[in-house]
Each structure stands twice: as structure tokens, then as C-alpha cells.
Amino acid sequence: DMKENINKICENIYQANKAKGFWEDREDLDKKYSGNELEFVKKASKAQMLALIHSEISEALEADRKNLMDNKLSHRTGLEVELADAVIRIFDMAGGLGMDLGGAIEEKLNYNTTRPYKHGKSY
């Protein structure tokens, strides 16, 4: 089932990144902050995660514009690897925040089948 597979991948990526220390600063927020301050820090942390996802997309654009190969996985294009990085960050965020990304993707794909050609737009 696509939903379960995606959610499992999200959880695996989150656990791997957590083991590498990428979630340390979020783990004990409720011990360091409370009330409005806690909510602000949580929102700022989400904004930071989204900015990092955005940066991967920007790197993908730049790699494609310059027709670059990746500098770590030299047999792959920069576009391909930066898109993978963006997906990894998205899945990590969804896993860490306990989101049902698989369900949301499944529902969105089903909804999109009801939409008109190009969703009624010219491109």
C-alpha cells in the first residue's frame, strides 16, 4: 500500500537523521520553553525545515542550469541528487512531526484525477 510505504520511508529517514543528531534541538523544546515562547520556537523550527527544503530545490535549479554532475555521487546529475535531497528533507520533516504524508499524497493524487486538463490552466 502506497500510504503505508511512504509513511514507513518517512519514519526510517527521520530515525536515521535523528541518530545523526539532526533532531537534538527539537527533542526537548517543551523542557526549555513554555506557552507562547514554545509555540514560537516550534513554528521557527518548522520554518527552518521548510527553508532547507527550499534550498535543496534552489540547488537543483542551479545544477540543472549549469548542467552539473553531482560532486559526491559523480555518476548522477546534480539535478537528480538535489531532488533526492529535497525529498529526503520532506520525508524527514513528515516523519519527525508525525505527519501522515503517505495518506496526504494518496488523497491528493485521487483528488487530482477529478480536476480538468492542466487543472484548467494554460501551463
C-alpha atoms as a PDB file:
ATOM      1  CA  ASP A   1       0.000   0.000   0.000  1.00  0.00           C
ATOM      2  CA  MET A   2       1.464   3.338  -1.101  1.00  0.00           C
ATOM      3  CA  LYS A   3       0.353   5.210   2.026  1.00  0.00           C
ATOM      4  CA  GLU A   4       1.992   2.721   4.380  1.00  0.00           C
ATOM      5  CA  ASN A   5       5.170   2.514   2.288  1.00  0.00           C
ATOM      6  CA  ILE A   6       5.624   6.279   2.171  1.00  0.00           C
ATOM      7  CA  ASN A   7       4.955   6.654   5.894  1.00  0.00           C
ATOM      8  CA  LYS A   8       7.444   3.866   6.622  1.00  0.00           C
ATOM      9  CA  ILE A   9      10.088   5.605   4.500  1.00  0.00           C
ATOM     10  CA  CYS A  10       9.365   8.875   6.349  1.00  0.00           C
ATOM     11  CA  GLU A  11       9.850   7.144   9.695  1.00  0.00           C
ATOM     12  CA  ASN A  12      13.067   5.424   8.550  1.00  0.00           C
ATOM     13  CA  ILE A  13      14.564   8.667   7.244  1.00  0.00           C
ATOM     14  CA  TYR A  14      13.548  10.515  10.412  1.00  0.00           C
ATOM     15  CA  GLN A  15      15.091   7.830  12.652  1.00  0.00           C
ATOM     16  CA  ALA A  16      18.335   7.839  10.621  1.00  0.00           C
ATOM     17  CA  ASN A  17      18.586  11.630  10.778  1.00  0.00           C
ATOM     18  CA  LYS A  18      17.715  11.645  14.472  1.00  0.00           C
ATOM     19  CA  ALA A  19      20.527   9.144  15.097  1.00  0.00           C
ATOM     20  CA  LYS A  20      22.897  11.572  13.346  1.00  0.00           C
ATOM     21  CA  GLY A  21      21.836  14.387  15.698  1.00  0.00           C
ATOM     22  CA  PHE A  22      19.632  16.425  13.383  1.00  0.00           C
ATOM     23  CA  TRP A  23      16.679  16.434  15.779  1.00  0.00           C
ATOM     24  CA  GLU A  24      18.529  17.153  19.043  1.00  0.00           C
ATOM     25  CA  ASP A  25      17.479  20.798  19.134  1.00  0.00           C
ATOM     26  CA  ARG A  26      13.766  19.876  18.829  1.00  0.00           C
ATOM     27  CA  GLU A  27      13.600  16.929  21.207  1.00  0.00           C
ATOM     28  CA  ASP A  28      13.393  18.804  24.498  1.00  0.00           C
ATOM     29  CA  LEU A  29      11.723  22.043  23.456  1.00  0.00           C
ATOM     30  CA  ASP A  30       8.939  21.584  25.981  1.00  0.00           C
ATOM     31  CA  LYS A  31      11.552  21.354  28.767  1.00  0.00           C
ATOM     32  CA  LYS A  32      13.231  24.605  27.715  1.00  0.00           C
ATOM     33  CA  TYR A  33      10.218  26.694  26.738  1.00  0.00           C
ATOM     34  CA  SER A  34       6.568  27.051  27.630  1.00  0.00           C
ATOM     35  CA  GLY A  35       3.432  28.817  26.432  1.00  0.00           C
ATOM     36  CA  ASN A  36       3.784  31.327  23.615  1.00  0.00           C
ATOM     37  CA  GLU A  37       7.546  31.028  23.596  1.00  0.00           C
ATOM     38  CA  LEU A  38       7.331  27.259  22.984  1.00  0.00           C
ATOM     39  CA  GLU A  39       4.856  27.769  20.127  1.00  0.00           C
ATOM     40  CA  PHE A  40       7.102  30.429  18.578  1.00  0.00           C
ATOM     41  CA  VAL A  41      10.160  28.168  18.728  1.00  0.00           C
ATOM     42  CA  LYS A  42       8.210  25.259  17.212  1.00  0.00           C
ATOM     43  CA  LYS A  43       6.995  27.489  14.371  1.00  0.00           C
ATOM     44  CA  ALA A  44      10.504  28.848  13.802  1.00  0.00           C
ATOM     45  CA  SER A  45      11.838  25.299  13.690  1.00  0.00           C
ATOM     46  CA  LYS A  46       9.247  24.324  11.056  1.00  0.00           C
ATOM     47  CA  ALA A  47      10.133  27.428   9.068  1.00  0.00           C
ATOM     48  CA  GLN A  48      13.798  26.437   9.189  1.00  0.00           C
ATOM     49  CA  MET A  49      12.977  22.937   7.912  1.00  0.00           C
ATOM     50  CA  LEU A  50      10.920  24.393   5.070  1.00  0.00           C
ATOM     51  CA  ALA A  51      13.728  26.804   4.199  1.00  0.00           C
ATOM     52  CA  LEU A  52      16.160  23.885   3.999  1.00  0.00           C
ATOM     53  CA  ILE A  53      13.775  22.054   1.649  1.00  0.00           C
ATOM     54  CA  HIS A  54      13.553  25.207  -0.443  1.00  0.00           C
ATOM     55  CA  SER A  55      17.359  25.459  -0.553  1.00  0.00           C
ATOM     56  CA  GLU A  56      17.584  21.939  -2.000  1.00  0.00           C
ATOM     57  CA  ILE A  57      15.140  22.917  -4.763  1.00  0.00           C
ATOM     58  CA  SER A  58      17.233  26.018  -5.484  1.00  0.00           C
ATOM     59  CA  GLU A  59      20.356  23.855  -5.664  1.00  0.00           C
ATOM     60  CA  ALA A  60      18.521  21.547  -8.088  1.00  0.00           C
ATOM     61  CA  LEU A  61      17.690  24.527 -10.305  1.00  0.00           C
ATOM     62  CA  GLU A  62      21.290  25.740 -10.279  1.00  0.00           C
ATOM     63  CA  ALA A  63      22.655  22.262 -11.052  1.00  0.00           C
ATOM     64  CA  ASP A  64      20.241  21.956 -13.971  1.00  0.00           C
ATOM     65  CA  ARG A  65      21.013  25.452 -15.280  1.00  0.00           C
ATOM     66  CA  LYS A  66      24.729  24.648 -15.293  1.00  0.00           C
ATOM     67  CA  ASN A  67      24.279  21.030 -16.423  1.00  0.00           C
ATOM     68  CA  LEU A  68      26.339  19.856 -13.428  1.00  0.00           C
ATOM     69  CA  MET A  69      27.040  16.354 -12.262  1.00  0.00           C
ATOM     70  CA  ASP A  70      26.836  15.810  -8.513  1.00  0.00           C
ATOM     71  CA  ASN A  71      30.135  16.278  -6.685  1.00  0.00           C
ATOM     72  CA  LYS A  72      29.563  13.379  -4.236  1.00  0.00           C
ATOM     73  CA  LEU A  73      27.702  10.918  -6.464  1.00  0.00           C
ATOM     74  CA  SER A  74      29.606  11.698  -9.650  1.00  0.00           C
ATOM     75  CA  HIS A  75      27.660   9.196 -11.769  1.00  0.00           C
ATOM     76  CA  ARG A  76      24.431  11.162 -11.129  1.00  0.00           C
ATOM     77  CA  THR A  77      23.320  14.590 -12.271  1.00  0.00           C
ATOM     78  CA  GLY A  78      23.200  17.394  -9.749  1.00  0.00           C
ATOM     79  CA  LEU A  79      19.510  17.832 -10.544  1.00  0.00           C
ATOM     80  CA  GLU A  80      18.756  14.227  -9.649  1.00  0.00           C
ATOM     81  CA  VAL A  81      20.705  14.295  -6.370  1.00  0.00           C
ATOM     82  CA  GLU A  82      19.365  17.677  -5.233  1.00  0.00           C
ATOM     83  CA  LEU A  83      15.801  16.482  -5.878  1.00  0.00           C
ATOM     84  CA  ALA A  84      16.625  13.402  -3.791  1.00  0.00           C
ATOM     85  CA  ASP A  85      17.927  15.707  -1.039  1.00  0.00           C
ATOM     86  CA  ALA A  86      14.672  17.690  -1.148  1.00  0.00           C
ATOM     87  CA  VAL A  87      12.576  14.517  -0.883  1.00  0.00           C
ATOM     88  CA  ILE A  88      14.744  13.272   1.991  1.00  0.00           C
ATOM     89  CA  ARG A  89      14.231  16.549   3.855  1.00  0.00           C
ATOM     90  CA  ILE A  90      10.471  16.459   3.193  1.00  0.00           C
ATOM     91  CA  PHE A  91      10.182  12.854   4.357  1.00  0.00           C
ATOM     92  CA  ASP A  92      12.343  13.607   7.424  1.00  0.00           C
ATOM     93  CA  MET A  93      10.126  16.531   8.391  1.00  0.00           C
ATOM     94  CA  ALA A  94       6.963  14.481   7.922  1.00  0.00           C
ATOM     95  CA  GLY A  95       8.384  11.595   9.940  1.00  0.00           C
ATOM     96  CA  GLY A  96       9.660  13.796  12.733  1.00  0.00           C
ATOM     97  CA  LEU A  97       6.402  15.691  13.046  1.00  0.00           C
ATOM     98  CA  GLY A  98       4.299  12.521  12.904  1.00  0.00           C
ATOM     99  CA  MET A  99       2.527  13.511   9.709  1.00  0.00           C
ATOM    100  CA  ASP A 100       0.562  11.093   7.524  1.00  0.00           C
ATOM    101  CA  LEU A 101       2.363  12.171   4.362  1.00  0.00           C
ATOM    102  CA  GLY A 102       1.508   8.906   2.622  1.00  0.00           C
ATOM    103  CA  GLY A 103      -2.187   9.450   3.234  1.00  0.00           C
ATOM    104  CA  ALA A 104      -1.999  13.065   2.105  1.00  0.00           C
ATOM    105  CA  ILE A 105      -0.210  12.089  -1.119  1.00  0.00           C
ATOM    106  CA  GLU A 106      -2.710   9.321  -1.817  1.00  0.00           C
ATOM    107  CA  GLU A 107      -5.677  11.641  -1.197  1.00  0.00           C
ATOM    108  CA  LYS A 108      -4.162  14.449  -3.284  1.00  0.00           C
ATOM    109  CA  LEU A 109      -3.476  12.114  -6.224  1.00  0.00           C
ATOM    110  CA  ASN A 110      -7.059  10.874  -6.059  1.00  0.00           C
ATOM    111  CA  TYR A 111      -8.386  14.439  -5.899  1.00  0.00           C
ATOM    112  CA  ASN A 112      -6.253  15.439  -8.885  1.00  0.00           C
ATOM    113  CA  THR A 113      -7.999  12.808 -11.034  1.00  0.00           C
ATOM    114  CA  THR A 114     -11.195  14.877 -10.668  1.00  0.00           C
ATOM    115  CA  ARG A 115      -9.590  18.068 -11.947  1.00  0.00           C
ATOM    116  CA  PRO A 116      -9.735  19.294 -15.553  1.00  0.00           C
ATOM    117  CA  TYR A 117      -6.900  19.058 -18.067  1.00  0.00           C
ATOM    118  CA  LYS A 118      -3.898  21.017 -16.702  1.00  0.00           C
ATOM    119  CA  HIS A 119      -6.225  21.865 -13.842  1.00  0.00           C
ATOM    120  CA  GLY A 120      -7.867  24.453 -16.065  1.00  0.00           C
ATOM    121  CA  LYS A 121      -4.668  26.478 -16.570  1.00  0.00           C
ATOM    122  CA  SER A 122      -2.576  27.084 -19.654  1.00  0.00           C
ATOM    123  CA  TYR A 123       0.558  25.510 -18.083  1.00  0.00           C
END
